[in-house]
Amino acid sequence: MAMSEKVEEHLKEAEASLRAALAFAARTEKPMVTSSIADVISRIDGLIGTHKMLDKFEDMAGKSGFKLF
């Protein structure tokens, strides 16, 4: 089942806001803060990418008659 467009849209908006925060934090905050923000950005990006990859696997499996989930 594909991630809804609305959820993906909100995740991308959050990622964009975090990138802006990261750019500012890199100049003003301690390294732990910038590292934590970067980690959250990476997790959001990974979530979106992984979900798309799983959708592709499901589609391929469905075409071959194999059920993944």
PDB file of N, CA and C in Angstrom:
ATOM      1  N   MET A   1       0.847  -1.183   0.000  1.00  0.00           N
ATOM      2  CA  MET A   1       0.000   0.000   0.000  1.00  0.00           C
ATOM      3  C   MET A   1       0.885   1.235   0.000  1.00  0.00           C
ATOM      4  N   ALA A   2       0.652   2.104  -0.923  1.00  0.00           N
ATOM      5  CA  ALA A   2       1.468   3.308  -1.065  1.00  0.00           C
ATOM      6  C   ALA A   2       1.201   4.296   0.064  1.00  0.00           C
ATOM      7  N   MET A   3       2.233   5.035   0.401  1.00  0.00           N
ATOM      8  CA  MET A   3       2.084   6.107   1.373  1.00  0.00           C
ATOM      9  C   MET A   3       1.201   7.169   0.722  1.00  0.00           C
ATOM     10  N   SER A   4       0.262   7.709   1.485  1.00  0.00           N
ATOM     11  CA  SER A   4      -0.623   8.708   0.896  1.00  0.00           C
ATOM     12  C   SER A   4       0.172   9.946   0.490  1.00  0.00           C
ATOM     13  N   GLU A   5      -0.321  10.597  -0.547  1.00  0.00           N
ATOM     14  CA  GLU A   5       0.357  11.794  -1.037  1.00  0.00           C
ATOM     15  C   GLU A   5       0.427  12.862   0.042  1.00  0.00           C
ATOM     16  N   LYS A   6      -0.623  12.961   0.846  1.00  0.00           N
ATOM     17  CA  LYS A   6      -0.677  13.980   1.900  1.00  0.00           C
ATOM     18  C   LYS A   6       0.394  13.720   2.947  1.00  0.00           C
ATOM     19  N   VAL A   7       0.582  12.476   3.333  1.00  0.00           N
ATOM     20  CA  VAL A   7       1.611  12.144   4.327  1.00  0.00           C
ATOM     21  C   VAL A   7       2.992  12.455   3.761  1.00  0.00           C
ATOM     22  N   GLU A   8       3.237  12.030   2.519  1.00  0.00           N
ATOM     23  CA  GLU A   8       4.535  12.304   1.904  1.00  0.00           C
ATOM     24  C   GLU A   8       4.770  13.812   1.775  1.00  0.00           C
ATOM     25  N   GLU A   9       3.722  14.550   1.416  1.00  0.00           N
ATOM     26  CA  GLU A   9       3.838  16.006   1.292  1.00  0.00           C
ATOM     27  C   GLU A   9       4.231  16.644   2.629  1.00  0.00           C
ATOM     28  N   HIS A  10       3.587  16.217   3.691  1.00  0.00           N
ATOM     29  CA  HIS A  10       3.896  16.759   5.021  1.00  0.00           C
ATOM     30  C   HIS A  10       5.312  16.378   5.474  1.00  0.00           C
ATOM     31  N   LEU A  11       5.716  15.162   5.160  1.00  0.00           N
ATOM     32  CA  LEU A  11       7.080  14.748   5.499  1.00  0.00           C
ATOM     33  C   LEU A  11       8.109  15.595   4.754  1.00  0.00           C
ATOM     34  N   LYS A  12       7.844  15.871   3.480  1.00  0.00           N
ATOM     35  CA  LYS A  12       8.770  16.692   2.702  1.00  0.00           C
ATOM     36  C   LYS A  12       8.800  18.134   3.217  1.00  0.00           C
ATOM     37  N   GLU A  13       7.659  18.648   3.643  1.00  0.00           N
ATOM     38  CA  GLU A  13       7.616  19.989   4.235  1.00  0.00           C
ATOM     39  C   GLU A  13       8.425  20.023   5.532  1.00  0.00           C
ATOM     40  N   ALA A  14       8.263  19.000   6.341  1.00  0.00           N
ATOM     41  CA  ALA A  14       9.021  18.919   7.587  1.00  0.00           C
ATOM     42  C   ALA A  14      10.515  18.835   7.300  1.00  0.00           C
ATOM     43  N   GLU A  15      10.865  18.057   6.306  1.00  0.00           N
ATOM     44  CA  GLU A  15      12.269  17.926   5.919  1.00  0.00           C
ATOM     45  C   GLU A  15      12.837  19.272   5.455  1.00  0.00           C
ATOM     46  N   ALA A  16      12.056  20.021   4.691  1.00  0.00           N
ATOM     47  CA  ALA A  16      12.507  21.334   4.217  1.00  0.00           C
ATOM     48  C   ALA A  16      12.708  22.291   5.394  1.00  0.00           C
ATOM     49  N   SER A  17      11.804  22.266   6.348  1.00  0.00           N
ATOM     50  CA  SER A  17      11.940  23.121   7.531  1.00  0.00           C
ATOM     51  C   SER A  17      13.161  22.733   8.347  1.00  0.00           C
ATOM     52  N   LEU A  18      13.386  21.451   8.475  1.00  0.00           N
ATOM     53  CA  LEU A  18      14.550  20.981   9.218  1.00  0.00           C
ATOM     54  C   LEU A  18      15.852  21.350   8.514  1.00  0.00           C
ATOM     55  N   ARG A  19      15.849  21.330   7.197  1.00  0.00           N
ATOM     56  CA  ARG A  19      17.045  21.743   6.449  1.00  0.00           C
ATOM     57  C   ARG A  19      17.354  23.222   6.700  1.00  0.00           C
ATOM     58  N   ALA A  20      16.308  24.038   6.766  1.00  0.00           N
ATOM     59  CA  ALA A  20      16.504  25.457   7.070  1.00  0.00           C
ATOM     60  C   ALA A  20      17.050  25.618   8.491  1.00  0.00           C
ATOM     61  N   ALA A  21      16.503  24.851   9.415  1.00  0.00           N
ATOM     62  CA  ALA A  21      16.993  24.895  10.795  1.00  0.00           C
ATOM     63  C   ALA A  21      18.443  24.430  10.864  1.00  0.00           C
ATOM     64  N   LEU A  22      18.775  23.408  10.102  1.00  0.00           N
ATOM     65  CA  LEU A  22      20.138  22.888  10.087  1.00  0.00           C
ATOM     66  C   LEU A  22      21.116  23.935   9.567  1.00  0.00           C
ATOM     67  N   ALA A  23      20.729  24.643   8.521  1.00  0.00           N
ATOM     68  CA  ALA A  23      21.600  25.677   7.956  1.00  0.00           C
ATOM     69  C   ALA A  23      21.893  26.756   8.996  1.00  0.00           C
ATOM     70  N   PHE A  24      20.894  27.148   9.751  1.00  0.00           N
ATOM     71  CA  PHE A  24      21.101  28.153  10.781  1.00  0.00           C
ATOM     72  C   PHE A  24      21.881  27.573  11.960  1.00  0.00           C
ATOM     73  N   ALA A  25      21.516  26.360  12.360  1.00  0.00           N
ATOM     74  CA  ALA A  25      22.169  25.727  13.512  1.00  0.00           C
ATOM     75  C   ALA A  25      23.651  25.491  13.266  1.00  0.00           C
ATOM     76  N   ALA A  26      24.013  25.231  12.026  1.00  0.00           N
ATOM     77  CA  ALA A  26      25.423  24.972  11.703  1.00  0.00           C
ATOM     78  C   ALA A  26      26.299  26.178  12.033  1.00  0.00           C
ATOM     79  N   ARG A  27      25.695  27.350  12.023  1.00  0.00           N
ATOM     80  CA  ARG A  27      26.458  28.570  12.323  1.00  0.00           C
ATOM     81  C   ARG A  27      26.386  28.978  13.782  1.00  0.00           C
ATOM     82  N   THR A  28      25.377  28.500  14.513  1.00  0.00           N
ATOM     83  CA  THR A  28      25.152  29.041  15.854  1.00  0.00           C
ATOM     84  C   THR A  28      25.097  28.026  16.988  1.00  0.00           C
ATOM     85  N   GLU A  29      24.854  26.779  16.677  1.00  0.00           N
ATOM     86  CA  GLU A  29      24.613  25.788  17.733  1.00  0.00           C
ATOM     87  C   GLU A  29      25.801  24.844  17.928  1.00  0.00           C
ATOM     88  N   LYS A  30      25.696  24.093  18.994  1.00  0.00           N
ATOM     89  CA  LYS A  30      26.721  23.085  19.281  1.00  0.00           C
ATOM     90  C   LYS A  30      26.568  21.922  18.299  1.00  0.00           C
ATOM     91  N   PRO A  31      27.663  21.218  18.046  1.00  0.00           N
ATOM     92  CA  PRO A  31      27.627  20.113  17.072  1.00  0.00           C
ATOM     93  C   PRO A  31      26.555  19.059  17.348  1.00  0.00           C
ATOM     94  N   MET A  32      26.245  18.803  18.608  1.00  0.00           N
ATOM     95  CA  MET A  32      25.230  17.803  18.930  1.00  0.00           C
ATOM     96  C   MET A  32      23.873  18.193  18.358  1.00  0.00           C
ATOM     97  N   VAL A  33      23.579  19.491  18.384  1.00  0.00           N
ATOM     98  CA  VAL A  33      22.300  19.965  17.858  1.00  0.00           C
ATOM     99  C   VAL A  33      22.249  19.749  16.349  1.00  0.00           C
ATOM    100  N   THR A  34      23.295  20.153  15.654  1.00  0.00           N
ATOM    101  CA  THR A  34      23.306  19.983  14.191  1.00  0.00           C
ATOM    102  C   THR A  34      23.272  18.507  13.809  1.00  0.00           C
ATOM    103  N   SER A  35      23.964  17.697  14.567  1.00  0.00           N
ATOM    104  CA  SER A  35      23.974  16.260  14.291  1.00  0.00           C
ATOM    105  C   SER A  35      22.580  15.655  14.478  1.00  0.00           C
ATOM    106  N   SER A  36      21.888  16.081  15.508  1.00  0.00           N
ATOM    107  CA  SER A  36      20.540  15.560  15.776  1.00  0.00           C
ATOM    108  C   SER A  36      19.562  15.973  14.688  1.00  0.00           C
ATOM    109  N   ILE A  37      19.643  17.225  14.257  1.00  0.00           N
ATOM    110  CA  ILE A  37      18.760  17.694  13.186  1.00  0.00           C
ATOM    111  C   ILE A  37      19.051  16.917  11.906  1.00  0.00           C
ATOM    112  N   ALA A  38      20.325  16.740  11.588  1.00  0.00           N
ATOM    113  CA  ALA A  38      20.701  15.985  10.390  1.00  0.00           C
ATOM    114  C   ALA A  38      20.192  14.546  10.460  1.00  0.00           C
ATOM    115  N   ASP A  39      20.204  13.959  11.652  1.00  0.00           N
ATOM    116  CA  ASP A  39      19.713  12.594  11.826  1.00  0.00           C
ATOM    117  C   ASP A  39      18.222  12.509  11.528  1.00  0.00           C
ATOM    118  N   VAL A  40      17.456  13.481  11.994  1.00  0.00           N
ATOM    119  CA  VAL A  40      16.014  13.477  11.738  1.00  0.00           C
ATOM    120  C   VAL A  40      15.745  13.636  10.238  1.00  0.00           C
ATOM    121  N   ILE A  41      16.491  14.526   9.583  1.00  0.00           N
ATOM    122  CA  ILE A  41      16.349  14.699   8.131  1.00  0.00           C
ATOM    123  C   ILE A  41      16.630  13.381   7.416  1.00  0.00           C
ATOM    124  N   SER A  42      17.691  12.714   7.832  1.00  0.00           N
ATOM    125  CA  SER A  42      18.064  11.439   7.221  1.00  0.00           C
ATOM    126  C   SER A  42      16.980  10.385   7.423  1.00  0.00           C
ATOM    127  N   ARG A  43      16.386  10.358   8.601  1.00  0.00           N
ATOM    128  CA  ARG A  43      15.334   9.376   8.880  1.00  0.00           C
ATOM    129  C   ARG A  43      14.086   9.625   8.036  1.00  0.00           C
ATOM    130  N   ILE A  44      13.717  10.892   7.871  1.00  0.00           N
ATOM    131  CA  ILE A  44      12.559  11.218   7.039  1.00  0.00           C
ATOM    132  C   ILE A  44      12.831  10.805   5.595  1.00  0.00           C
ATOM    133  N   ASP A  45      14.000  11.173   5.090  1.00  0.00           N
ATOM    134  CA  ASP A  45      14.379  10.817   3.722  1.00  0.00           C
ATOM    135  C   ASP A  45      14.393   9.297   3.551  1.00  0.00           C
ATOM    136  N   GLY A  46      14.933   8.599   4.533  1.00  0.00           N
ATOM    137  CA  GLY A  46      14.976   7.136   4.479  1.00  0.00           C
ATOM    138  C   GLY A  46      13.599   6.511   4.509  1.00  0.00           C
ATOM    139  N   LEU A  47      12.703   7.082   5.296  1.00  0.00           N
ATOM    140  CA  LEU A  47      11.333   6.577   5.377  1.00  0.00           C
ATOM    141  C   LEU A  47      10.632   6.687   4.029  1.00  0.00           C
ATOM    142  N   ILE A  48      10.745   7.843   3.411  1.00  0.00           N
ATOM    143  CA  ILE A  48      10.112   8.053   2.107  1.00  0.00           C
ATOM    144  C   ILE A  48      10.717   7.099   1.071  1.00  0.00           C
ATOM    145  N   GLY A  49      12.035   7.020   1.033  1.00  0.00           N
ATOM    146  CA  GLY A  49      12.703   6.162   0.061  1.00  0.00           C
ATOM    147  C   GLY A  49      12.408   4.686   0.263  1.00  0.00           C
ATOM    148  N   THR A  50      12.421   4.248   1.512  1.00  0.00           N
ATOM    149  CA  THR A  50      12.152   2.840   1.810  1.00  0.00           C
ATOM    150  C   THR A  50      10.724   2.472   1.447  1.00  0.00           C
ATOM    151  N   HIS A  51       9.792   3.360   1.743  1.00  0.00           N
ATOM    152  CA  HIS A  51       8.401   3.075   1.438  1.00  0.00           C
ATOM    153  C   HIS A  51       8.195   2.949  -0.061  1.00  0.00           C
ATOM    154  N   LYS A  52       8.841   3.821  -0.837  1.00  0.00           N
ATOM    155  CA  LYS A  52       8.725   3.730  -2.299  1.00  0.00           C
ATOM    156  C   LYS A  52       9.334   2.431  -2.817  1.00  0.00           C
ATOM    157  N   MET A  53      10.450   2.019  -2.229  1.00  0.00           N
ATOM    158  CA  MET A  53      11.102   0.782  -2.647  1.00  0.00           C
ATOM    159  C   MET A  53      10.210  -0.423  -2.326  1.00  0.00           C
ATOM    160  N   LEU A  54       9.596  -0.427  -1.148  1.00  0.00           N
ATOM    161  CA  LEU A  54       8.703  -1.527  -0.782  1.00  0.00           C
ATOM    162  C   LEU A  54       7.500  -1.586  -1.713  1.00  0.00           C
ATOM    163  N   ASP A  55       6.993  -0.414  -2.105  1.00  0.00           N
ATOM    164  CA  ASP A  55       5.885  -0.387  -3.061  1.00  0.00           C
ATOM    165  C   ASP A  55       6.282  -1.046  -4.377  1.00  0.00           C
ATOM    166  N   LYS A  56       7.490  -0.764  -4.844  1.00  0.00           N
ATOM    167  CA  LYS A  56       7.961  -1.368  -6.096  1.00  0.00           C
ATOM    168  C   LYS A  56       8.072  -2.885  -5.962  1.00  0.00           C
ATOM    169  N   PHE A  57       8.598  -3.349  -4.820  1.00  0.00           N
ATOM    170  CA  PHE A  57       8.700  -4.794  -4.592  1.00  0.00           C
ATOM    171  C   PHE A  57       7.318  -5.435  -4.559  1.00  0.00           C
ATOM    172  N   GLU A  58       6.366  -4.769  -3.894  1.00  0.00           N
ATOM    173  CA  GLU A  58       5.005  -5.297  -3.851  1.00  0.00           C
ATOM    174  C   GLU A  58       4.409  -5.402  -5.248  1.00  0.00           C
ATOM    175  N   ASP A  59       4.617  -4.365  -6.059  1.00  0.00           N
ATOM    176  CA  ASP A  59       4.106  -4.381  -7.432  1.00  0.00           C
ATOM    177  C   ASP A  59       4.720  -5.528  -8.231  1.00  0.00           C
ATOM    178  N   MET A  60       6.026  -5.694  -8.123  1.00  0.00           N
ATOM    179  CA  MET A  60       6.713  -6.765  -8.845  1.00  0.00           C
ATOM    180  C   MET A  60       6.223  -8.123  -8.367  1.00  0.00           C
ATOM    181  N   ALA A  61       6.071  -8.273  -7.070  1.00  0.00           N
ATOM    182  CA  ALA A  61       5.633  -9.548  -6.518  1.00  0.00           C
ATOM    183  C   ALA A  61       4.199  -9.849  -6.944  1.00  0.00           C
ATOM    184  N   GLY A  62       3.356  -8.812  -6.941  1.00  0.00           N
ATOM    185  CA  GLY A  62       1.951  -8.994  -7.341  1.00  0.00           C
ATOM    186  C   GLY A  62       1.829  -9.437  -8.780  1.00  0.00           C
ATOM    187  N   LYS A  63       2.685  -8.902  -9.645  1.00  0.00           N
ATOM    188  CA  LYS A  63       2.658  -9.268 -11.061  1.00  0.00           C
ATOM    189  C   LYS A  63       3.079 -10.711 -11.272  1.00  0.00           C
ATOM    190  N   SER A  64       3.916 -11.206 -10.361  1.00  0.00           N
ATOM    191  CA  SER A  64       4.390 -12.591 -10.505  1.00  0.00           C
ATOM    192  C   SER A  64       3.531 -13.559  -9.698  1.00  0.00           C
ATOM    193  N   GLY A  65       2.506 -13.036  -8.998  1.00  0.00           N
ATOM    194  CA  GLY A  65       1.621 -13.905  -8.231  1.00  0.00           C
ATOM    195  C   GLY A  65       2.107 -14.203  -6.837  1.00  0.00           C
ATOM    196  N   PHE A  66       3.175 -13.554  -6.408  1.00  0.00           N
ATOM    197  CA  PHE A  66       3.738 -13.771  -5.078  1.00  0.00           C
ATOM    198  C   PHE A  66       3.255 -12.675  -4.155  1.00  0.00           C
ATOM    199  N   LYS A  67       2.853 -13.018  -2.935  1.00  0.00           N
ATOM    200  CA  LYS A  67       2.350 -12.037  -1.968  1.00  0.00           C
ATOM    201  C   LYS A  67       3.397 -11.798  -0.901  1.00  0.00           C
ATOM    202  N   LEU A  68       3.865 -10.528  -0.789  1.00  0.00           N
ATOM    203  CA  LEU A  68       4.879 -10.184   0.207  1.00  0.00           C
ATOM    204  C   LEU A  68       4.267  -9.961   1.574  1.00  0.00           C
ATOM    205  N   PHE A  69       3.198  -9.191   1.619  1.00  0.00           N
ATOM    206  CA  PHE A  69       2.601  -8.814   2.915  1.00  0.00           C
ATOM    207  C   PHE A  69       1.136  -9.134   2.938  1.00  0.00           C
TER     208      PHE A  69
END
